PDB file of N, CA and C in Angstrom:
ATOM      1  N   MET A   1     -51.066  85.517 -58.509  1.00  0.00           N
ATOM      2  CA  MET A   1     -51.452  84.827 -57.290  1.00  0.00           C
ATOM      3  C   MET A   1     -50.874  83.415 -57.333  1.00  0.00           C
ATOM      4  N   ILE A   2     -50.473  82.950 -56.198  1.00  0.00           N
ATOM      5  CA  ILE A   2     -49.856  81.626 -56.080  1.00  0.00           C
ATOM      6  C   ILE A   2     -50.896  80.527 -56.338  1.00  0.00           C
ATOM      7  N   GLN A   3     -50.471  79.443 -56.956  1.00  0.00           N
ATOM      8  CA  GLN A   3     -51.346  78.311 -57.253  1.00  0.00           C
ATOM      9  C   GLN A   3     -51.481  77.427 -56.009  1.00  0.00           C
ATOM     10  N   PHE A   4     -52.480  76.537 -56.036  1.00  0.00           N
ATOM     11  CA  PHE A   4     -52.628  75.600 -54.918  1.00  0.00           C
ATOM     12  C   PHE A   4     -53.153  74.276 -55.442  1.00  0.00           C
ATOM     13  N   ARG A   5     -52.919  73.257 -54.633  1.00  0.00           N
ATOM     14  CA  ARG A   5     -53.517  71.948 -54.891  1.00  0.00           C
ATOM     15  C   ARG A   5     -53.961  71.390 -53.552  1.00  0.00           C
ATOM     16  N   ILE A   6     -54.962  70.548 -53.614  1.00  0.00           N
ATOM     17  CA  ILE A   6     -55.520  69.964 -52.402  1.00  0.00           C
ATOM     18  C   ILE A   6     -55.302  68.454 -52.459  1.00  0.00           C
ATOM     19  N   LEU A   7     -54.702  67.914 -51.421  1.00  0.00           N
ATOM     20  CA  LEU A   7     -54.464  66.474 -51.352  1.00  0.00           C
ATOM     21  C   LEU A   7     -55.791  65.741 -51.192  1.00  0.00           C
ATOM     22  N   SER A   8     -55.822  64.483 -51.615  1.00  0.00           N
ATOM     23  CA  SER A   8     -57.073  63.718 -51.597  1.00  0.00           C
ATOM     24  C   SER A   8     -57.669  63.621 -50.194  1.00  0.00           C
ATOM     25  N   GLU A   9     -56.829  63.515 -49.167  1.00  0.00           N
ATOM     26  CA  GLU A   9     -57.332  63.446 -47.795  1.00  0.00           C
ATOM     27  C   GLU A   9     -58.049  64.735 -47.421  1.00  0.00           C
ATOM     28  N   ALA A  10     -57.482  65.860 -47.811  1.00  0.00           N
ATOM     29  CA  ALA A  10     -58.099  67.156 -47.518  1.00  0.00           C
ATOM     30  C   ALA A  10     -59.387  67.338 -48.310  1.00  0.00           C
ATOM     31  N   LEU A  11     -59.398  66.846 -49.537  1.00  0.00           N
ATOM     32  CA  LEU A  11     -60.605  66.921 -50.349  1.00  0.00           C
ATOM     33  C   LEU A  11     -61.726  66.101 -49.708  1.00  0.00           C
ATOM     34  N   GLN A  12     -61.384  64.960 -49.145  1.00  0.00           N
ATOM     35  CA  GLN A  12     -62.379  64.144 -48.438  1.00  0.00           C
ATOM     36  C   GLN A  12     -62.856  64.855 -47.175  1.00  0.00           C
ATOM     37  N   ASP A  13     -61.922  65.483 -46.439  1.00  0.00           N
ATOM     38  CA  ASP A  13     -62.305  66.280 -45.261  1.00  0.00           C
ATOM     39  C   ASP A  13     -63.324  67.342 -45.656  1.00  0.00           C
ATOM     40  N   LEU A  14     -63.041  68.035 -46.743  1.00  0.00           N
ATOM     41  CA  LEU A  14     -63.909  69.110 -47.217  1.00  0.00           C
ATOM     42  C   LEU A  14     -65.292  68.561 -47.588  1.00  0.00           C
ATOM     43  N   ALA A  15     -65.329  67.477 -48.339  1.00  0.00           N
ATOM     44  CA  ALA A  15     -66.601  66.871 -48.742  1.00  0.00           C
ATOM     45  C   ALA A  15     -67.415  66.439 -47.519  1.00  0.00           C
ATOM     46  N   ASN A  16     -66.736  65.853 -46.529  1.00  0.00           N
ATOM     47  CA  ASN A  16     -67.422  65.419 -45.311  1.00  0.00           C
ATOM     48  C   ASN A  16     -68.018  66.605 -44.559  1.00  0.00           C
ATOM     49  N   ALA A  17     -67.281  67.695 -44.475  1.00  0.00           N
ATOM     50  CA  ALA A  17     -67.769  68.885 -43.770  1.00  0.00           C
ATOM     51  C   ALA A  17     -68.968  69.493 -44.489  1.00  0.00           C
ATOM     52  N   VAL A  18     -68.872  69.606 -45.803  1.00  0.00           N
ATOM     53  CA  VAL A  18     -69.994  70.159 -46.577  1.00  0.00           C
ATOM     54  C   VAL A  18     -71.231  69.292 -46.378  1.00  0.00           C
ATOM     55  N   GLN A  19     -71.066  67.980 -46.455  1.00  0.00           N
ATOM     56  CA  GLN A  19     -72.190  67.069 -46.284  1.00  0.00           C
ATOM     57  C   GLN A  19     -72.791  67.197 -44.881  1.00  0.00           C
ATOM     58  N   TYR A  20     -71.934  67.263 -43.865  1.00  0.00           N
ATOM     59  CA  TYR A  20     -72.405  67.391 -42.486  1.00  0.00           C
ATOM     60  C   TYR A  20     -73.255  68.653 -42.327  1.00  0.00           C
ATOM     61  N   TYR A  21     -72.722  69.791 -42.764  1.00  0.00           N
ATOM     62  CA  TYR A  21     -73.445  71.048 -42.586  1.00  0.00           C
ATOM     63  C   TYR A  21     -74.724  71.091 -43.429  1.00  0.00           C
ATOM     64  N   GLU A  22     -74.696  70.497 -44.591  1.00  0.00           N
ATOM     65  CA  GLU A  22     -75.901  70.470 -45.435  1.00  0.00           C
ATOM     66  C   GLU A  22     -76.981  69.617 -44.784  1.00  0.00           C
ATOM     67  N   THR A  23     -76.577  68.544 -44.111  1.00  0.00           N
ATOM     68  CA  THR A  23     -77.522  67.689 -43.401  1.00  0.00           C
ATOM     69  C   THR A  23     -78.117  68.426 -42.203  1.00  0.00           C
ATOM     70  N   GLU A  24     -77.288  69.224 -41.537  1.00  0.00           N
ATOM     71  CA  GLU A  24     -77.752  69.989 -40.376  1.00  0.00           C
ATOM     72  C   GLU A  24     -78.782  71.043 -40.757  1.00  0.00           C
ATOM     73  N   CYS A  25     -78.544  71.712 -41.877  1.00  0.00           N
ATOM     74  CA  CYS A  25     -79.441  72.784 -42.320  1.00  0.00           C
ATOM     75  C   CYS A  25     -79.227  73.011 -43.817  1.00  0.00           C
ATOM     76  N   PRO A  26     -80.256  72.806 -44.624  1.00  0.00           N
ATOM     77  CA  PRO A  26     -80.091  73.012 -46.064  1.00  0.00           C
ATOM     78  C   PRO A  26     -79.535  74.409 -46.375  1.00  0.00           C
ATOM     79  N   GLY A  27     -78.503  74.431 -47.199  1.00  0.00           N
ATOM     80  CA  GLY A  27     -77.834  75.682 -47.560  1.00  0.00           C
ATOM     81  C   GLY A  27     -76.590  75.964 -46.735  1.00  0.00           C
ATOM     82  N   LEU A  28     -76.490  75.350 -45.552  1.00  0.00           N
ATOM     83  CA  LEU A  28     -75.330  75.601 -44.697  1.00  0.00           C
ATOM     84  C   LEU A  28     -74.066  74.968 -45.276  1.00  0.00           C
ATOM     85  N   GLY A  29     -74.224  73.857 -45.991  1.00  0.00           N
ATOM     86  CA  GLY A  29     -73.080  73.236 -46.656  1.00  0.00           C
ATOM     87  C   GLY A  29     -72.487  74.175 -47.696  1.00  0.00           C
ATOM     88  N   ALA A  30     -73.341  74.845 -48.456  1.00  0.00           N
ATOM     89  CA  ALA A  30     -72.871  75.818 -49.447  1.00  0.00           C
ATOM     90  C   ALA A  30     -72.195  77.002 -48.761  1.00  0.00           C
ATOM     91  N   ASP A  31     -72.724  77.414 -47.615  1.00  0.00           N
ATOM     92  CA  ASP A  31     -72.090  78.496 -46.851  1.00  0.00           C
ATOM     93  C   ASP A  31     -70.694  78.084 -46.391  1.00  0.00           C
ATOM     94  N   PHE A  32     -70.580  76.838 -45.931  1.00  0.00           N
ATOM     95  CA  PHE A  32     -69.273  76.331 -45.502  1.00  0.00           C
ATOM     96  C   PHE A  32     -68.291  76.341 -46.676  1.00  0.00           C
ATOM     97  N   LEU A  33     -68.738  75.857 -47.819  1.00  0.00           N
ATOM     98  CA  LEU A  33     -67.874  75.814 -48.997  1.00  0.00           C
ATOM     99  C   LEU A  33     -67.434  77.217 -49.404  1.00  0.00           C
ATOM    100  N   SER A  34     -68.330  78.186 -49.341  1.00  0.00           N
ATOM    101  CA  SER A  34     -67.970  79.577 -49.650  1.00  0.00           C
ATOM    102  C   SER A  34     -66.922  80.109 -48.678  1.00  0.00           C
ATOM    103  N   GLU A  35     -67.088  79.801 -47.401  1.00  0.00           N
ATOM    104  CA  GLU A  35     -66.110  80.252 -46.401  1.00  0.00           C
ATOM    105  C   GLU A  35     -64.759  79.580 -46.630  1.00  0.00           C
ATOM    106  N   TYR A  36     -64.770  78.305 -46.983  1.00  0.00           N
ATOM    107  CA  TYR A  36     -63.537  77.598 -47.315  1.00  0.00           C
ATOM    108  C   TYR A  36     -62.844  78.286 -48.495  1.00  0.00           C
ATOM    109  N   GLU A  37     -63.596  78.622 -49.527  1.00  0.00           N
ATOM    110  CA  GLU A  37     -63.012  79.278 -50.704  1.00  0.00           C
ATOM    111  C   GLU A  37     -62.427  80.641 -50.353  1.00  0.00           C
ATOM    112  N   ARG A  38     -63.087  81.393 -49.466  1.00  0.00           N
ATOM    113  CA  ARG A  38     -62.524  82.681 -49.019  1.00  0.00           C
ATOM    114  C   ARG A  38     -61.223  82.461 -48.245  1.00  0.00           C
ATOM    115  N   THR A  39     -61.185  81.383 -47.455  1.00  0.00           N
ATOM    116  CA  THR A  39     -59.966  81.064 -46.693  1.00  0.00           C
ATOM    117  C   THR A  39     -58.825  80.712 -47.641  1.00  0.00           C
ATOM    118  N   ILE A  40     -59.099  79.924 -48.660  1.00  0.00           N
ATOM    119  CA  ILE A  40     -58.072  79.567 -49.642  1.00  0.00           C
ATOM    120  C   ILE A  40     -57.583  80.820 -50.353  1.00  0.00           C
ATOM    121  N   SER A  41     -58.469  81.728 -50.670  1.00  0.00           N
ATOM    122  CA  SER A  41     -58.070  82.978 -51.318  1.00  0.00           C
ATOM    123  C   SER A  41     -57.130  83.778 -50.419  1.00  0.00           C
ATOM    124  N   ARG A  42     -57.448  83.864 -49.123  1.00  0.00           N
ATOM    125  CA  ARG A  42     -56.565  84.579 -48.184  1.00  0.00           C
ATOM    126  C   ARG A  42     -55.186  83.918 -48.138  1.00  0.00           C
ATOM    127  N   ILE A  43     -55.168  82.593 -48.088  1.00  0.00           N
ATOM    128  CA  ILE A  43     -53.896  81.867 -48.048  1.00  0.00           C
ATOM    129  C   ILE A  43     -53.099  82.125 -49.322  1.00  0.00           C
ATOM    130  N   ARG A  44     -53.761  82.090 -50.473  1.00  0.00           N
ATOM    131  CA  ARG A  44     -53.067  82.286 -51.753  1.00  0.00           C
ATOM    132  C   ARG A  44     -52.502  83.695 -51.873  1.00  0.00           C
ATOM    133  N   HIS A  45     -53.197  84.676 -51.337  1.00  0.00           N
ATOM    134  CA  HIS A  45     -52.710  86.052 -51.402  1.00  0.00           C
ATOM    135  C   HIS A  45     -51.609  86.328 -50.376  1.00  0.00           C
ATOM    136  N   PHE A  46     -51.710  85.704 -49.214  1.00  0.00           N
ATOM    137  CA  PHE A  46     -50.768  85.953 -48.121  1.00  0.00           C
ATOM    138  C   PHE A  46     -50.326  84.629 -47.494  1.00  0.00           C
ATOM    139  N   PRO A  47     -49.589  83.799 -48.228  1.00  0.00           N
ATOM    140  CA  PRO A  47     -49.284  82.443 -47.747  1.00  0.00           C
ATOM    141  C   PRO A  47     -48.458  82.391 -46.462  1.00  0.00           C
ATOM    142  N   GLU A  48     -47.746  83.433 -46.140  1.00  0.00           N
ATOM    143  CA  GLU A  48     -46.917  83.396 -44.936  1.00  0.00           C
ATOM    144  C   GLU A  48     -47.506  84.221 -43.798  1.00  0.00           C
ATOM    145  N   ALA A  49     -48.777  84.586 -43.912  1.00  0.00           N
ATOM    146  CA  ALA A  49     -49.428  85.409 -42.896  1.00  0.00           C
ATOM    147  C   ALA A  49     -49.728  84.636 -41.614  1.00  0.00           C
ATOM    148  N   TRP A  50     -49.843  83.330 -41.692  1.00  0.00           N
ATOM    149  CA  TRP A  50     -50.175  82.531 -40.517  1.00  0.00           C
ATOM    150  C   TRP A  50     -48.924  81.861 -39.999  1.00  0.00           C
ATOM    151  N   SER A  51     -48.798  81.848 -38.694  1.00  0.00           N
ATOM    152  CA  SER A  51     -47.599  81.319 -38.060  1.00  0.00           C
ATOM    153  C   SER A  51     -47.439  79.834 -38.330  1.00  0.00           C
ATOM    154  N   PRO A  52     -46.190  79.414 -38.536  1.00  0.00           N
ATOM    155  CA  PRO A  52     -45.945  77.976 -38.710  1.00  0.00           C
ATOM    156  C   PRO A  52     -46.252  77.224 -37.423  1.00  0.00           C
ATOM    157  N   ILE A  53     -46.787  76.027 -37.562  1.00  0.00           N
ATOM    158  CA  ILE A  53     -47.004  75.197 -36.380  1.00  0.00           C
ATOM    159  C   ILE A  53     -45.955  74.091 -36.290  1.00  0.00           C
ATOM    160  N   ASN A  54     -45.216  73.902 -37.368  1.00  0.00           N
ATOM    161  CA  ASN A  54     -43.995  73.101 -37.349  1.00  0.00           C
ATOM    162  C   ASN A  54     -43.145  73.566 -38.533  1.00  0.00           C
ATOM    163  N   ALA A  55     -42.114  72.844 -38.863  1.00  0.00           N
ATOM    164  CA  ALA A  55     -41.165  73.310 -39.880  1.00  0.00           C
ATOM    165  C   ALA A  55     -41.796  73.543 -41.249  1.00  0.00           C
ATOM    166  N   ASN A  56     -42.820  72.778 -41.604  1.00  0.00           N
ATOM    167  CA  ASN A  56     -43.392  72.870 -42.946  1.00  0.00           C
ATOM    168  C   ASN A  56     -44.867  73.214 -42.992  1.00  0.00           C
ATOM    169  N   LEU A  57     -45.542  73.260 -41.872  1.00  0.00           N
ATOM    170  CA  LEU A  57     -46.997  73.327 -41.854  1.00  0.00           C
ATOM    171  C   LEU A  57     -47.496  74.615 -41.218  1.00  0.00           C
ATOM    172  N   ARG A  58     -48.547  75.182 -41.827  1.00  0.00           N
ATOM    173  CA  ARG A  58     -49.223  76.357 -41.280  1.00  0.00           C
ATOM    174  C   ARG A  58     -50.701  76.034 -41.150  1.00  0.00           C
ATOM    175  N   ARG A  59     -51.390  76.831 -40.315  1.00  0.00           N
ATOM    176  CA  ARG A  59     -52.814  76.616 -40.090  1.00  0.00           C
ATOM    177  C   ARG A  59     -53.542  77.950 -40.216  1.00  0.00           C
ATOM    178  N   CYS A  60     -54.597  77.955 -41.025  1.00  0.00           N
ATOM    179  CA  CYS A  60     -55.436  79.133 -41.191  1.00  0.00           C
ATOM    180  C   CYS A  60     -56.855  78.757 -40.771  1.00  0.00           C
ATOM    181  N   LEU A  61     -57.415  79.526 -39.843  1.00  0.00           N
ATOM    182  CA  LEU A  61     -58.756  79.245 -39.348  1.00  0.00           C
ATOM    183  C   LEU A  61     -59.811  79.813 -40.276  1.00  0.00           C
ATOM    184  N   LEU A  62     -60.895  79.057 -40.456  1.00  0.00           N
ATOM    185  CA  LEU A  62     -62.051  79.598 -41.138  1.00  0.00           C
ATOM    186  C   LEU A  62     -62.719  80.581 -40.189  1.00  0.00           C
ATOM    187  N   ARG A  63     -63.331  81.608 -40.708  1.00  0.00           N
ATOM    188  CA  ARG A  63     -63.889  82.651 -39.850  1.00  0.00           C
ATOM    189  C   ARG A  63     -65.217  82.260 -39.216  1.00  0.00           C
ATOM    190  N   ARG A  64     -66.075  81.603 -39.944  1.00  0.00           N
ATOM    191  CA  ARG A  64     -67.429  81.349 -39.456  1.00  0.00           C
ATOM    192  C   ARG A  64     -67.623  79.958 -38.868  1.00  0.00           C
ATOM    193  N   PHE A  65     -66.758  79.039 -39.185  1.00  0.00           N
ATOM    194  CA  PHE A  65     -66.916  77.646 -38.783  1.00  0.00           C
ATOM    195  C   PHE A  65     -65.695  77.205 -37.975  1.00  0.00           C
ATOM    196  N   PRO A  66     -65.870  76.213 -37.078  1.00  0.00           N
ATOM    197  CA  PRO A  66     -64.740  75.758 -36.244  1.00  0.00           C
ATOM    198  C   PRO A  66     -63.824  74.788 -36.994  1.00  0.00           C
ATOM    199  N   TYR A  67     -63.294  75.242 -38.095  1.00  0.00           N
ATOM    200  CA  TYR A  67     -62.418  74.437 -38.948  1.00  0.00           C
ATOM    201  C   TYR A  67     -61.135  75.196 -39.222  1.00  0.00           C
ATOM    202  N   ALA A  68     -60.103  74.438 -39.578  1.00  0.00           N
ATOM    203  CA  ALA A  68     -58.825  75.020 -39.974  1.00  0.00           C
ATOM    204  C   ALA A  68     -58.344  74.341 -41.243  1.00  0.00           C
ATOM    205  N   VAL A  69     -57.676  75.121 -42.081  1.00  0.00           N
ATOM    206  CA  VAL A  69     -57.017  74.592 -43.273  1.00  0.00           C
ATOM    207  C   VAL A  69     -55.538  74.482 -42.930  1.00  0.00           C
ATOM    208  N   PHE A  70     -55.000  73.280 -43.046  1.00  0.00           N
ATOM    209  CA  PHE A  70     -53.577  73.051 -42.837  1.00  0.00           C
ATOM    210  C   PHE A  70     -52.913  73.012 -44.208  1.00  0.00           C
ATOM    211  N   TYR A  71     -51.804  73.731 -44.335  1.00  0.00           N
ATOM    212  CA  TYR A  71     -51.150  73.825 -45.642  1.00  0.00           C
ATOM    213  C   TYR A  71     -49.659  74.032 -45.490  1.00  0.00           C
ATOM    214  N   SER A  72     -48.963  73.765 -46.584  1.00  0.00           N
ATOM    215  CA  SER A  72     -47.530  74.058 -46.658  1.00  0.00           C
ATOM    216  C   SER A  72     -47.285  74.807 -47.957  1.00  0.00           C
ATOM    217  N   LYS A  73     -46.199  75.522 -47.993  1.00  0.00           N
ATOM    218  CA  LYS A  73     -45.805  76.243 -49.198  1.00  0.00           C
ATOM    219  C   LYS A  73     -44.605  75.514 -49.770  1.00  0.00           C
ATOM    220  N   GLU A  74     -44.750  75.042 -51.001  1.00  0.00           N
ATOM    221  CA  GLU A  74     -43.686  74.306 -51.677  1.00  0.00           C
ATOM    222  C   GLU A  74     -43.345  75.067 -52.946  1.00  0.00           C
ATOM    223  N   GLY A  75     -42.329  75.897 -52.878  1.00  0.00           N
ATOM    224  CA  GLY A  75     -41.976  76.738 -54.010  1.00  0.00           C
ATOM    225  C   GLY A  75     -43.079  77.742 -54.267  1.00  0.00           C
ATOM    226  N   ASN A  76     -43.630  77.723 -55.467  1.00  0.00           N
ATOM    227  CA  ASN A  76     -44.737  78.615 -55.813  1.00  0.00           C
ATOM    228  C   ASN A  76     -46.079  77.905 -55.746  1.00  0.00           C
ATOM    229  N   MET A  77     -46.192  76.924 -54.880  1.00  0.00           N
ATOM    230  CA  MET A  77     -47.407  76.132 -54.763  1.00  0.00           C
ATOM    231  C   MET A  77     -47.806  76.008 -53.295  1.00  0.00           C
ATOM    232  N   ILE A  78     -49.089  76.216 -53.022  1.00  0.00           N
ATOM    233  CA  ILE A  78     -49.660  75.940 -51.706  1.00  0.00           C
ATOM    234  C   ILE A  78     -50.257  74.538 -51.776  1.00  0.00           C
ATOM    235  N   VAL A  79     -49.926  73.700 -50.803  1.00  0.00           N
ATOM    236  CA  VAL A  79     -50.448  72.337 -50.754  1.00  0.00           C
ATOM    237  C   VAL A  79     -51.337  72.218 -49.517  1.00  0.00           C
ATOM    238  N   ILE A  80     -52.626  72.001 -49.762  1.00  0.00           N
ATOM    239  CA  ILE A  80     -53.605  71.845 -48.685  1.00  0.00           C
ATOM    240  C   ILE A  80     -53.586  70.382 -48.257  1.00  0.00           C
ATOM    241  N   SER A  81     -53.226  70.148 -46.989  1.00  0.00           N
ATOM    242  CA  SER A  81     -53.108  68.769 -46.524  1.00  0.00           C
ATOM    243  C   SER A  81     -54.282  68.319 -45.660  1.00  0.00           C
ATOM    244  N   ALA A  82     -55.051  69.266 -45.100  1.00  0.00           N
ATOM    245  CA  ALA A  82     -56.200  68.881 -44.278  1.00  0.00           C
ATOM    246  C   ALA A  82     -57.153  70.058 -44.129  1.00  0.00           C
ATOM    247  N   VAL A  83     -58.419  69.710 -43.961  1.00  0.00           N
ATOM    248  CA  VAL A  83     -59.467  70.661 -43.584  1.00  0.00           C
ATOM    249  C   VAL A  83     -60.061  70.051 -42.321  1.00  0.00           C
ATOM    250  N   SER A  84     -59.613  70.537 -41.166  1.00  0.00           N
ATOM    251  CA  SER A  84     -59.871  69.840 -39.906  1.00  0.00           C
ATOM    252  C   SER A  84     -60.940  70.508 -39.060  1.00  0.00           C
ATOM    253  N   ASP A  85     -61.801  69.662 -38.500  1.00  0.00           N
ATOM    254  CA  ASP A  85     -62.808  70.080 -37.536  1.00  0.00           C
ATOM    255  C   ASP A  85     -62.104  70.246 -36.195  1.00  0.00           C
ATOM    256  N   LEU A  86     -61.997  71.461 -35.713  1.00  0.00           N
ATOM    257  CA  LEU A  86     -61.248  71.723 -34.482  1.00  0.00           C
ATOM    258  C   LEU A  86     -61.993  71.281 -33.230  1.00  0.00           C
ATOM    259  N   ARG A  87     -63.262  70.947 -33.357  1.00  0.00           N
ATOM    260  CA  ARG A  87     -64.014  70.443 -32.199  1.00  0.00           C
ATOM    261  C   ARG A  87     -63.619  69.014 -31.888  1.00  0.00           C
ATOM    262  N   ARG A  88     -63.137  68.280 -32.864  1.00  0.00           N
ATOM    263  CA  ARG A  88     -62.812  66.869 -32.654  1.00  0.00           C
ATOM    264  C   ARG A  88     -61.501  66.689 -31.916  1.00  0.00           C
ATOM    265  N   ASP A  89     -60.429  67.200 -32.463  1.00  0.00           N
ATOM    266  CA  ASP A  89     -59.106  67.056 -31.855  1.00  0.00           C
ATOM    267  C   ASP A  89     -58.263  68.243 -32.294  1.00  0.00           C
ATOM    268  N   PRO A  90     -58.370  69.365 -31.589  1.00  0.00           N
ATOM    269  CA  PRO A  90     -57.696  70.588 -32.033  1.00  0.00           C
ATOM    270  C   PRO A  90     -56.172  70.500 -32.074  1.00  0.00           C
ATOM    271  N   GLU A  91     -55.598  69.554 -31.377  1.00  0.00           N
ATOM    272  CA  GLU A  91     -54.139  69.436 -31.344  1.00  0.00           C
ATOM    273  C   GLU A  91     -53.606  68.493 -32.415  1.00  0.00           C
ATOM    274  N   LYS A  92     -54.488  67.723 -33.042  1.00  0.00           N
ATOM    275  CA  LYS A  92     -54.043  66.739 -34.037  1.00  0.00           C
ATOM    276  C   LYS A  92     -53.584  67.441 -35.310  1.00  0.00           C
ATOM    277  N   LEU A  93     -52.408  67.074 -35.779  1.00  0.00           N
ATOM    278  CA  LEU A  93     -51.860  67.624 -37.005  1.00  0.00           C
ATOM    279  C   LEU A  93     -52.035  66.612 -38.130  1.00  0.00           C
ATOM    280  N   PRO A  94     -52.217  67.103 -39.364  1.00  0.00           N
ATOM    281  CA  PRO A  94     -52.319  66.180 -40.483  1.00  0.00           C
ATOM    282  C   PRO A  94     -51.022  65.412 -40.689  1.00  0.00           C
ATOM    283  N   GLN A  95     -51.141  64.219 -41.230  1.00  0.00           N
ATOM    284  CA  GLN A  95     -49.957  63.373 -41.485  1.00  0.00           C
ATOM    285  C   GLN A  95     -49.230  63.839 -42.708  1.00  0.00           C
TER     286      GLN A  95
END
């Protein structure tokens, strides 16, 4: 299976989302984190399954939450650049 790394900005996005959902309902943050991990697993197994949104970037939607994981494939490495809340600005791409 292909390896991955998460950029610090994406890690902060993830932490913020987990905290938000945990504040909304105890245990929901853990559910979000589990769904994120399932999404990363899908990306690692099938990195080219999601259509490119530009020359280097792809987007995979989480199934249960209105979030997307933005990533690129660099050789044998998946680089997670953002974990974005699609309710805020669905058209905004990570830098």
